[in-house]
Amino acid sequence: MVVFCISQSGETLQTLRVAQAARRNRQKIISLTGLQVNSLASLASIALYSYSEPKTWRGYNLTDKTPLFIIMKALFDRYFRNYV
């Protein structure tokens, strides 16, 4: 089984809990995070990264998620083409 975990920061508590549980159960983990050292990538069997310029406004995270979606779409298309 493979667990795919996505977090722009790589520090989202819920995502880290899922990754930690998967690791305890000896599951393969693929992470997709922003391009920085982070906890989620360190838990992953395979770490994938994207980059988007960090942007906040009045405490809200407005960082563009499009780079994450581009990678997710490419992975889905490849999976669909090969296995469905």
PDB file of N, CA and C in Angstrom:
ATOM      1  N   MET A   1       0.840  -1.182   0.000  1.00  0.00           N
ATOM      2  CA  MET A   1       0.000   0.000   0.000  1.00  0.00           C
ATOM      3  C   MET A   1       0.886   1.246   0.000  1.00  0.00           C
ATOM      4  N   VAL A   2       0.406   2.278  -0.662  1.00  0.00           N
ATOM      5  CA  VAL A   2       1.110   3.556  -0.731  1.00  0.00           C
ATOM      6  C   VAL A   2       0.192   4.643  -0.188  1.00  0.00           C
ATOM      7  N   VAL A   3       0.734   5.484   0.660  1.00  0.00           N
ATOM      8  CA  VAL A   3       0.002   6.632   1.188  1.00  0.00           C
ATOM      9  C   VAL A   3       0.608   7.886   0.578  1.00  0.00           C
ATOM     10  N   PHE A   4      -0.242   8.709  -0.029  1.00  0.00           N
ATOM     11  CA  PHE A   4       0.198   9.946  -0.677  1.00  0.00           C
ATOM     12  C   PHE A   4      -0.230  11.108   0.205  1.00  0.00           C
ATOM     13  N   CYS A   5       0.740  11.859   0.730  1.00  0.00           N
ATOM     14  CA  CYS A   5       0.466  12.971   1.641  1.00  0.00           C
ATOM     15  C   CYS A   5       0.870  14.291   0.997  1.00  0.00           C
ATOM     16  N   ILE A   6      -0.039  15.257   1.043  1.00  0.00           N
ATOM     17  CA  ILE A   6       0.197  16.554   0.409  1.00  0.00           C
ATOM     18  C   ILE A   6       0.048  17.656   1.447  1.00  0.00           C
ATOM     19  N   SER A   7       1.061  18.523   1.512  1.00  0.00           N
ATOM     20  CA  SER A   7       1.024  19.676   2.401  1.00  0.00           C
ATOM     21  C   SER A   7       2.005  20.713   1.878  1.00  0.00           C
ATOM     22  N   GLN A   8       1.527  21.904   1.593  1.00  0.00           N
ATOM     23  CA  GLN A   8       2.404  22.963   1.082  1.00  0.00           C
ATOM     24  C   GLN A   8       3.555  23.223   2.056  1.00  0.00           C
ATOM     25  N   SER A   9       3.245  23.293   3.329  1.00  0.00           N
ATOM     26  CA  SER A   9       4.274  23.590   4.325  1.00  0.00           C
ATOM     27  C   SER A   9       5.062  22.353   4.734  1.00  0.00           C
ATOM     28  N   GLY A  10       4.426  21.192   4.631  1.00  0.00           N
ATOM     29  CA  GLY A  10       5.050  19.973   5.132  1.00  0.00           C
ATOM     30  C   GLY A  10       4.992  19.869   6.641  1.00  0.00           C
ATOM     31  N   GLU A  11       4.223  20.755   7.264  1.00  0.00           N
ATOM     32  CA  GLU A  11       4.130  20.798   8.724  1.00  0.00           C
ATOM     33  C   GLU A  11       2.686  20.738   9.219  1.00  0.00           C
ATOM     34  N   THR A  12       1.732  20.430   8.359  1.00  0.00           N
ATOM     35  CA  THR A  12       0.329  20.354   8.751  1.00  0.00           C
ATOM     36  C   THR A  12       0.128  19.167   9.691  1.00  0.00           C
ATOM     37  N   LEU A  13      -0.366  19.428  10.885  1.00  0.00           N
ATOM     38  CA  LEU A  13      -0.455  18.425  11.940  1.00  0.00           C
ATOM     39  C   LEU A  13      -1.232  17.177  11.509  1.00  0.00           C
ATOM     40  N   GLN A  14      -2.396  17.344  10.891  1.00  0.00           N
ATOM     41  CA  GLN A  14      -3.202  16.191  10.484  1.00  0.00           C
ATOM     42  C   GLN A  14      -2.461  15.336   9.465  1.00  0.00           C
ATOM     43  N   THR A  15      -1.798  15.963   8.524  1.00  0.00           N
ATOM     44  CA  THR A  15      -1.061  15.228   7.500  1.00  0.00           C
ATOM     45  C   THR A  15       0.125  14.496   8.124  1.00  0.00           C
ATOM     46  N   LEU A  16       0.805  15.139   9.054  1.00  0.00           N
ATOM     47  CA  LEU A  16       1.919  14.486   9.737  1.00  0.00           C
ATOM     48  C   LEU A  16       1.446  13.277  10.542  1.00  0.00           C
ATOM     49  N   ARG A  17       0.283  13.378  11.165  1.00  0.00           N
ATOM     50  CA  ARG A  17      -0.257  12.239  11.919  1.00  0.00           C
ATOM     51  C   ARG A  17      -0.537  11.048  11.000  1.00  0.00           C
ATOM     52  N   VAL A  18      -1.093  11.329   9.832  1.00  0.00           N
ATOM     53  CA  VAL A  18      -1.359  10.264   8.857  1.00  0.00           C
ATOM     54  C   VAL A  18      -0.042   9.615   8.422  1.00  0.00           C
ATOM     55  N   ALA A  19       0.944  10.434   8.099  1.00  0.00           N
ATOM     56  CA  ALA A  19       2.243   9.918   7.663  1.00  0.00           C
ATOM     57  C   ALA A  19       2.915   9.100   8.768  1.00  0.00           C
ATOM     58  N   GLN A  20       2.822   9.562   9.997  1.00  0.00           N
ATOM     59  CA  GLN A  20       3.423   8.825  11.119  1.00  0.00           C
ATOM     60  C   GLN A  20       2.734   7.476  11.310  1.00  0.00           C
ATOM     61  N   ALA A  21       1.406   7.448  11.205  1.00  0.00           N
ATOM     62  CA  ALA A  21       0.669   6.183  11.328  1.00  0.00           C
ATOM     63  C   ALA A  21       1.035   5.236  10.187  1.00  0.00           C
ATOM     64  N   ALA A  22       1.148   5.760   8.988  1.00  0.00           N
ATOM     65  CA  ALA A  22       1.536   4.929   7.844  1.00  0.00           C
ATOM     66  C   ALA A  22       2.940   4.369   8.041  1.00  0.00           C
ATOM     67  N   ARG A  23       3.826   5.173   8.536  1.00  0.00           N
ATOM     68  CA  ARG A  23       5.199   4.727   8.765  1.00  0.00           C
ATOM     69  C   ARG A  23       5.248   3.630   9.837  1.00  0.00           C
ATOM     70  N   ARG A  24       4.465   3.805  10.908  1.00  0.00           N
ATOM     71  CA  ARG A  24       4.403   2.762  11.949  1.00  0.00           C
ATOM     72  C   ARG A  24       3.910   1.435  11.369  1.00  0.00           C
ATOM     73  N   ASN A  25       3.024   1.516  10.379  1.00  0.00           N
ATOM     74  CA  ASN A  25       2.470   0.321   9.733  1.00  0.00           C
ATOM     75  C   ASN A  25       3.278  -0.116   8.513  1.00  0.00           C
ATOM     76  N   ARG A  26       4.464   0.461   8.367  1.00  0.00           N
ATOM     77  CA  ARG A  26       5.406   0.096   7.307  1.00  0.00           C
ATOM     78  C   ARG A  26       4.841   0.262   5.901  1.00  0.00           C
ATOM     79  N   GLN A  27       4.065   1.326   5.723  1.00  0.00           N
ATOM     80  CA  GLN A  27       3.531   1.664   4.415  1.00  0.00           C
ATOM     81  C   GLN A  27       4.514   2.577   3.690  1.00  0.00           C
ATOM     82  N   LYS A  28       4.512   2.529   2.372  1.00  0.00           N
ATOM     83  CA  LYS A  28       5.287   3.477   1.579  1.00  0.00           C
ATOM     84  C   LYS A  28       4.575   4.824   1.636  1.00  0.00           C
ATOM     85  N   ILE A  29       5.337   5.890   1.780  1.00  0.00           N
ATOM     86  CA  ILE A  29       4.766   7.238   1.840  1.00  0.00           C
ATOM     87  C   ILE A  29       5.390   8.064   0.725  1.00  0.00           C
ATOM     88  N   ILE A  30       4.527   8.693  -0.057  1.00  0.00           N
ATOM     89  CA  ILE A  30       4.971   9.670  -1.048  1.00  0.00           C
ATOM     90  C   ILE A  30       4.469  11.016  -0.573  1.00  0.00           C
ATOM     91  N   SER A  31       5.381  11.961  -0.415  1.00  0.00           N
ATOM     92  CA  SER A  31       4.969  13.298   0.028  1.00  0.00           C
ATOM     93  C   SER A  31       5.097  14.281  -1.129  1.00  0.00           C
ATOM     94  N   LEU A  32       4.228  15.264  -1.119  1.00  0.00           N
ATOM     95  CA  LEU A  32       4.302  16.392  -2.040  1.00  0.00           C
ATOM     96  C   LEU A  32       4.205  17.647  -1.195  1.00  0.00           C
ATOM     97  N   THR A  33       5.310  18.394  -1.140  1.00  0.00           N
ATOM     98  CA  THR A  33       5.378  19.579  -0.288  1.00  0.00           C
ATOM     99  C   THR A  33       6.024  20.730  -1.043  1.00  0.00           C
ATOM    100  N   GLY A  34       6.048  21.880  -0.387  1.00  0.00           N
ATOM    101  CA  GLY A  34       6.788  23.009  -0.910  1.00  0.00           C
ATOM    102  C   GLY A  34       8.282  22.724  -0.842  1.00  0.00           C
ATOM    103  N   LEU A  35       9.036  23.510  -1.554  1.00  0.00           N
ATOM    104  CA  LEU A  35      10.473  23.295  -1.682  1.00  0.00           C
ATOM    105  C   LEU A  35      11.226  23.885  -0.490  1.00  0.00           C
ATOM    106  N   GLN A  36      11.185  23.155   0.639  1.00  0.00           N
ATOM    107  CA  GLN A  36      11.924  23.539   1.829  1.00  0.00           C
ATOM    108  C   GLN A  36      12.091  22.303   2.695  1.00  0.00           C
ATOM    109  N   VAL A  37      13.029  22.344   3.595  1.00  0.00           N
ATOM    110  CA  VAL A  37      13.192  21.246   4.547  1.00  0.00           C
ATOM    111  C   VAL A  37      11.937  21.218   5.413  1.00  0.00           C
ATOM    112  N   ASN A  38      11.314  20.032   5.553  1.00  0.00           N
ATOM    113  CA  ASN A  38      10.091  19.949   6.345  1.00  0.00           C
ATOM    114  C   ASN A  38       9.920  18.543   6.906  1.00  0.00           C
ATOM    115  N   SER A  39       9.071  18.430   7.900  1.00  0.00           N
ATOM    116  CA  SER A  39       8.861  17.168   8.618  1.00  0.00           C
ATOM    117  C   SER A  39       8.233  16.099   7.747  1.00  0.00           C
ATOM    118  N   LEU A  40       7.278  16.463   6.912  1.00  0.00           N
ATOM    119  CA  LEU A  40       6.596  15.474   6.077  1.00  0.00           C
ATOM    120  C   LEU A  40       7.565  14.821   5.097  1.00  0.00           C
ATOM    121  N   ALA A  41       8.371  15.607   4.438  1.00  0.00           N
ATOM    122  CA  ALA A  41       9.340  15.048   3.487  1.00  0.00           C
ATOM    123  C   ALA A  41      10.311  14.102   4.185  1.00  0.00           C
ATOM    124  N   SER A  42      10.658  14.404   5.436  1.00  0.00           N
ATOM    125  CA  SER A  42      11.599  13.536   6.149  1.00  0.00           C
ATOM    126  C   SER A  42      10.969  12.186   6.509  1.00  0.00           C
ATOM    127  N   LEU A  43       9.635  12.117   6.592  1.00  0.00           N
ATOM    128  CA  LEU A  43       8.944  10.856   6.879  1.00  0.00           C
ATOM    129  C   LEU A  43       8.720  10.018   5.619  1.00  0.00           C
ATOM    130  N   ALA A  44       8.831  10.627   4.468  1.00  0.00           N
ATOM    131  CA  ALA A  44       8.446   9.988   3.215  1.00  0.00           C
ATOM    132  C   ALA A  44       9.487   9.021   2.676  1.00  0.00           C
ATOM    133  N   SER A  45       8.983   7.999   1.992  1.00  0.00           N
ATOM    134  CA  SER A  45       9.842   7.089   1.238  1.00  0.00           C
ATOM    135  C   SER A  45      10.318   7.794  -0.029  1.00  0.00           C
ATOM    136  N   ILE A  46       9.415   8.556  -0.624  1.00  0.00           N
ATOM    137  CA  ILE A  46       9.716   9.361  -1.809  1.00  0.00           C
ATOM    138  C   ILE A  46       9.180  10.764  -1.547  1.00  0.00           C
ATOM    139  N   ALA A  47      10.036  11.760  -1.650  1.00  0.00           N
ATOM    140  CA  ALA A  47       9.629  13.148  -1.416  1.00  0.00           C
ATOM    141  C   ALA A  47       9.617  13.900  -2.744  1.00  0.00           C
ATOM    142  N   LEU A  48       8.459  14.462  -3.077  1.00  0.00           N
ATOM    143  CA  LEU A  48       8.306  15.307  -4.259  1.00  0.00           C
ATOM    144  C   LEU A  48       8.112  16.739  -3.777  1.00  0.00           C
ATOM    145  N   TYR A  49       8.587  17.686  -4.587  1.00  0.00           N
ATOM    146  CA  TYR A  49       8.520  19.089  -4.175  1.00  0.00           C
ATOM    147  C   TYR A  49       7.961  19.955  -5.296  1.00  0.00           C
ATOM    148  N   SER A  50       7.345  21.042  -4.908  1.00  0.00           N
ATOM    149  CA  SER A  50       6.930  22.084  -5.851  1.00  0.00           C
ATOM    150  C   SER A  50       7.363  23.421  -5.251  1.00  0.00           C
ATOM    151  N   TYR A  51       7.312  24.456  -6.056  1.00  0.00           N
ATOM    152  CA  TYR A  51       7.685  25.771  -5.528  1.00  0.00           C
ATOM    153  C   TYR A  51       6.626  26.795  -5.890  1.00  0.00           C
ATOM    154  N   SER A  52       6.295  27.595  -4.919  1.00  0.00           N
ATOM    155  CA  SER A  52       5.422  28.735  -5.107  1.00  0.00           C
ATOM    156  C   SER A  52       5.879  29.807  -4.127  1.00  0.00           C
ATOM    157  N   GLU A  53       5.998  31.020  -4.599  1.00  0.00           N
ATOM    158  CA  GLU A  53       6.433  32.125  -3.745  1.00  0.00           C
ATOM    159  C   GLU A  53       5.472  32.279  -2.557  1.00  0.00           C
ATOM    160  N   PRO A  54       5.981  32.191  -1.323  1.00  0.00           N
ATOM    161  CA  PRO A  54       5.104  32.347  -0.151  1.00  0.00           C
ATOM    162  C   PRO A  54       4.430  33.727  -0.140  1.00  0.00           C
ATOM    163  N   LYS A  55       3.141  33.729   0.173  1.00  0.00           N
ATOM    164  CA  LYS A  55       2.400  34.987   0.217  1.00  0.00           C
ATOM    165  C   LYS A  55       1.390  34.924   1.358  1.00  0.00           C
ATOM    166  N   THR A  56       1.432  35.909   2.237  1.00  0.00           N
ATOM    167  CA  THR A  56       0.454  36.009   3.313  1.00  0.00           C
ATOM    168  C   THR A  56      -0.140  37.415   3.321  1.00  0.00           C
ATOM    169  N   TRP A  57      -1.329  37.509   3.864  1.00  0.00           N
ATOM    170  CA  TRP A  57      -2.003  38.796   3.989  1.00  0.00           C
ATOM    171  C   TRP A  57      -2.822  38.751   5.264  1.00  0.00           C
ATOM    172  N   ARG A  58      -2.501  39.646   6.200  1.00  0.00           N
ATOM    173  CA  ARG A  58      -3.193  39.740   7.487  1.00  0.00           C
ATOM    174  C   ARG A  58      -3.299  38.383   8.188  1.00  0.00           C
ATOM    175  N   GLY A  59      -2.229  37.617   8.107  1.00  0.00           N
ATOM    176  CA  GLY A  59      -2.185  36.323   8.784  1.00  0.00           C
ATOM    177  C   GLY A  59      -2.757  35.166   7.981  1.00  0.00           C
ATOM    178  N   TYR A  60      -3.296  35.428   6.785  1.00  0.00           N
ATOM    179  CA  TYR A  60      -3.860  34.375   5.943  1.00  0.00           C
ATOM    180  C   TYR A  60      -2.816  33.905   4.940  1.00  0.00           C
ATOM    181  N   ASN A  61      -2.733  32.589   4.756  1.00  0.00           N
ATOM    182  CA  ASN A  61      -1.811  32.024   3.788  1.00  0.00           C
ATOM    183  C   ASN A  61      -2.449  32.070   2.401  1.00  0.00           C
ATOM    184  N   LEU A  62      -1.907  32.902   1.527  1.00  0.00           N
ATOM    185  CA  LEU A  62      -2.427  33.037   0.168  1.00  0.00           C
ATOM    186  C   LEU A  62      -1.456  32.457  -0.868  1.00  0.00           C
ATOM    187  N   THR A  63      -0.546  31.607  -0.425  1.00  0.00           N
ATOM    188  CA  THR A  63       0.421  31.001  -1.335  1.00  0.00           C
ATOM    189  C   THR A  63      -0.318  30.208  -2.407  1.00  0.00           C
ATOM    190  N   ASP A  64       0.066  30.423  -3.652  1.00  0.00           N
ATOM    191  CA  ASP A  64      -0.574  29.773  -4.795  1.00  0.00           C
ATOM    192  C   ASP A  64      -0.367  28.264  -4.738  1.00  0.00           C
ATOM    193  N   LYS A  65      -1.443  27.495  -4.819  1.00  0.00           N
ATOM    194  CA  LYS A  65      -1.383  26.035  -4.777  1.00  0.00           C
ATOM    195  C   LYS A  65      -1.287  25.413  -6.167  1.00  0.00           C
ATOM    196  N   THR A  66      -1.323  26.224  -7.217  1.00  0.00           N
ATOM    197  CA  THR A  66      -1.308  25.710  -8.587  1.00  0.00           C
ATOM    198  C   THR A  66      -0.140  24.763  -8.860  1.00  0.00           C
ATOM    199  N   PRO A  67       1.098  25.066  -8.424  1.00  0.00           N
ATOM    200  CA  PRO A  67       2.186  24.115  -8.687  1.00  0.00           C
ATOM    201  C   PRO A  67       1.925  22.720  -8.105  1.00  0.00           C
ATOM    202  N   LEU A  68       1.305  22.644  -6.929  1.00  0.00           N
ATOM    203  CA  LEU A  68       0.944  21.342  -6.366  1.00  0.00           C
ATOM    204  C   LEU A  68      -0.060  20.627  -7.264  1.00  0.00           C
ATOM    205  N   PHE A  69      -1.058  21.366  -7.747  1.00  0.00           N
ATOM    206  CA  PHE A  69      -2.085  20.765  -8.601  1.00  0.00           C
ATOM    207  C   PHE A  69      -1.518  20.277  -9.927  1.00  0.00           C
ATOM    208  N   ILE A  70      -0.558  20.986 -10.470  1.00  0.00           N
ATOM    209  CA  ILE A  70       0.067  20.570 -11.732  1.00  0.00           C
ATOM    210  C   ILE A  70       0.757  19.216 -11.550  1.00  0.00           C
ATOM    211  N   ILE A  71       1.485  19.064 -10.470  1.00  0.00           N
ATOM    212  CA  ILE A  71       2.165  17.790 -10.207  1.00  0.00           C
ATOM    213  C   ILE A  71       1.145  16.688  -9.949  1.00  0.00           C
ATOM    214  N   MET A  72       0.118  16.973  -9.165  1.00  0.00           N
ATOM    215  CA  MET A  72      -0.913  15.975  -8.885  1.00  0.00           C
ATOM    216  C   MET A  72      -1.612  15.540 -10.170  1.00  0.00           C
ATOM    217  N   LYS A  73      -1.911  16.480 -11.059  1.00  0.00           N
ATOM    218  CA  LYS A  73      -2.570  16.133 -12.326  1.00  0.00           C
ATOM    219  C   LYS A  73      -1.669  15.267 -13.187  1.00  0.00           C
ATOM    220  N   ALA A  74      -0.389  15.600 -13.256  1.00  0.00           N
ATOM    221  CA  ALA A  74       0.554  14.802 -14.045  1.00  0.00           C
ATOM    222  C   ALA A  74       0.644  13.370 -13.500  1.00  0.00           C
ATOM    223  N   LEU A  75       0.687  13.223 -12.186  1.00  0.00           N
ATOM    224  CA  LEU A  75       0.736  11.896 -11.582  1.00  0.00           C
ATOM    225  C   LEU A  75      -0.547  11.115 -11.851  1.00  0.00           C
ATOM    226  N   PHE A  76      -1.690  11.774 -11.721  1.00  0.00           N
ATOM    227  CA  PHE A  76      -2.966  11.114 -11.980  1.00  0.00           C
ATOM    228  C   PHE A  76      -3.059  10.676 -13.436  1.00  0.00           C
ATOM    229  N   ASP A  77      -2.699  11.562 -14.357  1.00  0.00           N
ATOM    230  CA  ASP A  77      -2.765  11.220 -15.781  1.00  0.00           C
ATOM    231  C   ASP A  77      -1.890  10.022 -16.100  1.00  0.00           C
ATOM    232  N   ARG A  78      -0.694   9.990 -15.545  1.00  0.00           N
ATOM    233  CA  ARG A  78       0.220   8.864 -15.777  1.00  0.00           C
ATOM    234  C   ARG A  78      -0.346   7.575 -15.198  1.00  0.00           C
ATOM    235  N   TYR A  79      -0.865   7.662 -13.978  1.00  0.00           N
ATOM    236  CA  TYR A  79      -1.478   6.479 -13.354  1.00  0.00           C
ATOM    237  C   TYR A  79      -2.645   5.987 -14.190  1.00  0.00           C
ATOM    238  N   PHE A  80      -3.525   6.889 -14.578  1.00  0.00           N
ATOM    239  CA  PHE A  80      -4.711   6.516 -15.357  1.00  0.00           C
ATOM    240  C   PHE A  80      -4.312   5.871 -16.666  1.00  0.00           C
ATOM    241  N   ARG A  81      -3.334   6.435 -17.341  1.00  0.00           N
ATOM    242  CA  ARG A  81      -2.872   5.923 -18.645  1.00  0.00           C
ATOM    243  C   ARG A  81      -2.277   4.521 -18.501  1.00  0.00           C
ATOM    244  N   ASN A  82      -1.576   4.262 -17.399  1.00  0.00           N
ATOM    245  CA  ASN A  82      -0.891   2.986 -17.232  1.00  0.00           C
ATOM    246  C   ASN A  82      -1.724   1.888 -16.581  1.00  0.00           C
ATOM    247  N   TYR A  83      -2.688   2.254 -15.747  1.00  0.00           N
ATOM    248  CA  TYR A  83      -3.367   1.226 -14.944  1.00  0.00           C
ATOM    249  C   TYR A  83      -4.881   1.155 -15.109  1.00  0.00           C
ATOM    250  N   VAL A  84      -5.471   2.098 -15.795  1.00  0.00           N
ATOM    251  CA  VAL A  84      -6.935   2.070 -15.909  1.00  0.00           C
ATOM    252  C   VAL A  84      -7.340   1.804 -17.345  1.00  0.00           C
TER     253      VAL A  84
END
